[in-house]
């Protein structure tokens, strides 16, 4: 359709989730997606 985006609205591919302890991360939408989950 000519769009320059990739949409993946489900875990674990939402990169606006926290990737580790939320206390040590920048503000995110919510949820938790570890790098291990993404690569799996």
PDB file of N, CA and C in Angstrom:
ATOM      1  N   UNK A   1       0.807  -1.188   0.000  1.00  0.00           N
ATOM      2  CA  UNK A   1       0.000   0.000   0.000  1.00  0.00           C
ATOM      3  C   UNK A   1       0.858   1.263   0.000  1.00  0.00           C
ATOM      4  N   UNK A   2       2.171   1.113  -0.025  1.00  0.00           N
ATOM      5  CA  UNK A   2       3.037   2.279  -0.080  1.00  0.00           C
ATOM      6  C   UNK A   2       3.395   2.884   1.263  1.00  0.00           C
ATOM      7  N   UNK A   3       2.997   2.243   2.362  1.00  0.00           N
ATOM      8  CA  UNK A   3       3.309   2.770   3.685  1.00  0.00           C
ATOM      9  C   UNK A   3       4.724   2.360   4.092  1.00  0.00           C
ATOM     10  N   UNK A   4       5.481   3.298   4.667  1.00  0.00           N
ATOM     11  CA  UNK A   4       6.842   3.014   5.117  1.00  0.00           C
ATOM     12  C   UNK A   4       6.870   2.694   6.605  1.00  0.00           C
ATOM     13  N   UNK A   5       6.063   1.750   7.032  1.00  0.00           N
ATOM     14  CA  UNK A   5       5.999   1.352   8.437  1.00  0.00           C
ATOM     15  C   UNK A   5       5.852  -0.160   8.539  1.00  0.00           C
ATOM     16  N   UNK A   6       6.193  -0.680   9.692  1.00  0.00           N
ATOM     17  CA  UNK A   6       5.910  -2.070  10.032  1.00  0.00           C
ATOM     18  C   UNK A   6       5.063  -2.026  11.280  1.00  0.00           C
ATOM     19  N   UNK A   7       3.867  -2.592  11.232  1.00  0.00           N
ATOM     20  CA  UNK A   7       2.982  -2.575  12.379  1.00  0.00           C
ATOM     21  C   UNK A   7       2.915  -3.957  13.002  1.00  0.00           C
ATOM     22  N   UNK A   8       3.182  -4.017  14.276  1.00  0.00           N
ATOM     23  CA  UNK A   8       3.101  -5.258  15.021  1.00  0.00           C
ATOM     24  C   UNK A   8       2.522  -4.945  16.390  1.00  0.00           C
ATOM     25  N   UNK A   9       1.201  -4.890  16.495  1.00  0.00           N
ATOM     26  CA  UNK A   9       0.568  -4.396  17.708  1.00  0.00           C
ATOM     27  C   UNK A   9       0.493  -5.392  18.867  1.00  0.00           C
ATOM     28  N   UNK A  10       1.115  -6.513  18.775  1.00  0.00           N
ATOM     29  CA  UNK A  10       1.036  -7.506  19.839  1.00  0.00           C
ATOM     30  C   UNK A  10       2.401  -7.820  20.428  1.00  0.00           C
ATOM     31  N   UNK A  11       2.400  -8.294  21.670  1.00  0.00           N
ATOM     32  CA  UNK A  11       3.642  -8.716  22.309  1.00  0.00           C
ATOM     33  C   UNK A  11       4.212  -9.887  21.543  1.00  0.00           C
ATOM     34  N   UNK A  12       5.472 -10.084  21.461  1.00  0.00           N
ATOM     35  CA  UNK A  12       6.525  -9.327  22.122  1.00  0.00           C
ATOM     36  C   UNK A  12       7.147  -8.256  21.238  1.00  0.00           C
ATOM     37  N   UNK A  13       6.499  -7.895  20.144  1.00  0.00           N
ATOM     38  CA  UNK A  13       7.146  -6.999  19.193  1.00  0.00           C
ATOM     39  C   UNK A  13       6.755  -5.537  19.339  1.00  0.00           C
ATOM     40  N   UNK A  14       6.134  -5.165  20.429  1.00  0.00           N
ATOM     41  CA  UNK A  14       5.834  -3.751  20.677  1.00  0.00           C
ATOM     42  C   UNK A  14       7.032  -3.116  21.372  1.00  0.00           C
ATOM     43  N   UNK A  15       7.755  -2.288  20.682  1.00  0.00           N
ATOM     44  CA  UNK A  15       8.987  -1.729  21.247  1.00  0.00           C
ATOM     45  C   UNK A  15       8.734  -0.496  22.102  1.00  0.00           C
ATOM     46  N   UNK A  16       7.458  -0.170  22.355  1.00  0.00           N
ATOM     47  CA  UNK A  16       7.168   0.896  23.297  1.00  0.00           C
ATOM     48  C   UNK A  16       6.889   0.327  24.690  1.00  0.00           C
ATOM     49  N   UNK A  17       7.187  -0.961  24.890  1.00  0.00           N
ATOM     50  CA  UNK A  17       7.090  -1.587  26.203  1.00  0.00           C
ATOM     51  C   UNK A  17       8.415  -1.439  26.932  1.00  0.00           C
ATOM     52  N   UNK A  18       8.379  -1.663  28.231  1.00  0.00           N
ATOM     53  CA  UNK A  18       9.619  -1.681  29.003  1.00  0.00           C
ATOM     54  C   UNK A  18      10.424  -2.913  28.617  1.00  0.00           C
ATOM     55  N   UNK A  19      11.745  -2.795  28.670  1.00  0.00           N
ATOM     56  CA  UNK A  19      12.610  -3.917  28.340  1.00  0.00           C
ATOM     57  C   UNK A  19      13.294  -4.498  29.560  1.00  0.00           C
ATOM     58  N   UNK A  20      13.220  -3.795  30.687  1.00  0.00           N
ATOM     59  CA  UNK A  20      13.748  -4.307  31.948  1.00  0.00           C
ATOM     60  C   UNK A  20      12.942  -3.657  33.067  1.00  0.00           C
ATOM     61  N   UNK A  21      13.502  -3.548  34.244  1.00  0.00           N
ATOM     62  CA  UNK A  21      12.805  -2.975  35.392  1.00  0.00           C
ATOM     63  C   UNK A  21      12.321  -1.563  35.059  1.00  0.00           C
ATOM     64  N   UNK A  22      11.015  -1.304  35.115  1.00  0.00           N
ATOM     65  CA  UNK A  22      10.490   0.018  34.768  1.00  0.00           C
ATOM     66  C   UNK A  22      11.098   1.165  35.567  1.00  0.00           C
ATOM     67  N   UNK A  23      11.584   0.898  36.757  1.00  0.00           N
ATOM     68  CA  UNK A  23      12.199   1.953  37.566  1.00  0.00           C
ATOM     69  C   UNK A  23      13.478   2.492  36.932  1.00  0.00           C
ATOM     70  N   UNK A  24      14.118   1.687  36.087  1.00  0.00           N
ATOM     71  CA  UNK A  24      15.380   2.110  35.472  1.00  0.00           C
ATOM     72  C   UNK A  24      15.250   2.399  33.983  1.00  0.00           C
ATOM     73  N   UNK A  25      14.020   2.407  33.468  1.00  0.00           N
ATOM     74  CA  UNK A  25      13.767   2.621  32.046  1.00  0.00           C
ATOM     75  C   UNK A  25      13.113   3.986  31.815  1.00  0.00           C
ATOM     76  N   UNK A  26      13.269   4.550  30.618  1.00  0.00           N
ATOM     77  CA  UNK A  26      12.497   5.755  30.261  1.00  0.00           C
ATOM     78  C   UNK A  26      11.007   5.421  30.239  1.00  0.00           C
ATOM     79  N   UNK A  27      10.175   6.445  30.303  1.00  0.00           N
ATOM     80  CA  UNK A  27       8.725   6.256  30.274  1.00  0.00           C
ATOM     81  C   UNK A  27       8.311   5.481  29.030  1.00  0.00           C
ATOM     82  N   UNK A  28       7.470   4.481  29.206  1.00  0.00           N
ATOM     83  CA  UNK A  28       6.996   3.663  28.095  1.00  0.00           C
ATOM     84  C   UNK A  28       5.485   3.498  28.204  1.00  0.00           C
ATOM     85  N   UNK A  29       4.871   2.957  27.173  1.00  0.00           N
ATOM     86  CA  UNK A  29       3.430   2.762  27.135  1.00  0.00           C
ATOM     87  C   UNK A  29       2.993   1.795  28.234  1.00  0.00           C
ATOM     88  N   UNK A  30       3.771   0.774  28.456  1.00  0.00           N
ATOM     89  CA  UNK A  30       3.420  -0.257  29.440  1.00  0.00           C
ATOM     90  C   UNK A  30       3.754  -1.609  28.881  1.00  0.00           C
ATOM     91  N   UNK A  31       3.544  -2.622  29.664  1.00  0.00           N
ATOM     92  CA  UNK A  31       3.911  -3.957  29.239  1.00  0.00           C
ATOM     93  C   UNK A  31       5.392  -4.186  29.427  1.00  0.00           C
ATOM     94  N   UNK A  32       5.835  -5.389  29.144  1.00  0.00           N
ATOM     95  CA  UNK A  32       7.234  -5.750  29.348  1.00  0.00           C
ATOM     96  C   UNK A  32       7.635  -6.710  28.246  1.00  0.00           C
ATOM     97  N   UNK A  33       8.543  -6.300  27.379  1.00  0.00           N
ATOM     98  CA  UNK A  33       9.061  -7.134  26.299  1.00  0.00           C
ATOM     99  C   UNK A  33      10.567  -7.214  26.430  1.00  0.00           C
ATOM    100  N   UNK A  34      11.050  -8.353  26.897  1.00  0.00           N
ATOM    101  CA  UNK A  34      12.497  -8.511  27.023  1.00  0.00           C
ATOM    102  C   UNK A  34      13.115  -8.770  25.662  1.00  0.00           C
ATOM    103  N   UNK A  35      14.386  -8.516  25.552  1.00  0.00           N
ATOM    104  CA  UNK A  35      15.097  -8.792  24.312  1.00  0.00           C
ATOM    105  C   UNK A  35      15.033 -10.286  23.997  1.00  0.00           C
ATOM    106  N   UNK A  36      15.111 -11.107  25.031  1.00  0.00           N
ATOM    107  CA  UNK A  36      15.005 -12.552  24.843  1.00  0.00           C
ATOM    108  C   UNK A  36      13.651 -12.929  24.231  1.00  0.00           C
ATOM    109  N   UNK A  37      12.545 -12.328  24.723  1.00  0.00           N
ATOM    110  CA  UNK A  37      11.220 -12.597  24.167  1.00  0.00           C
ATOM    111  C   UNK A  37      11.127 -12.192  22.703  1.00  0.00           C
ATOM    112  N   UNK A  38      11.697 -11.038  22.373  1.00  0.00           N
ATOM    113  CA  UNK A  38      11.639 -10.538  20.997  1.00  0.00           C
ATOM    114  C   UNK A  38      12.387 -11.470  20.044  1.00  0.00           C
ATOM    115  N   UNK A  39      13.581 -11.906  20.435  1.00  0.00           N
ATOM    116  CA  UNK A  39      14.353 -12.784  19.562  1.00  0.00           C
ATOM    117  C   UNK A  39      13.767 -14.185  19.471  1.00  0.00           C
ATOM    118  N   UNK A  40      13.007 -14.604  20.490  1.00  0.00           N
ATOM    119  CA  UNK A  40      12.397 -15.947  20.467  1.00  0.00           C
ATOM    120  C   UNK A  40      11.273 -15.966  19.437  1.00  0.00           C
TER     121      UNK A  40
END
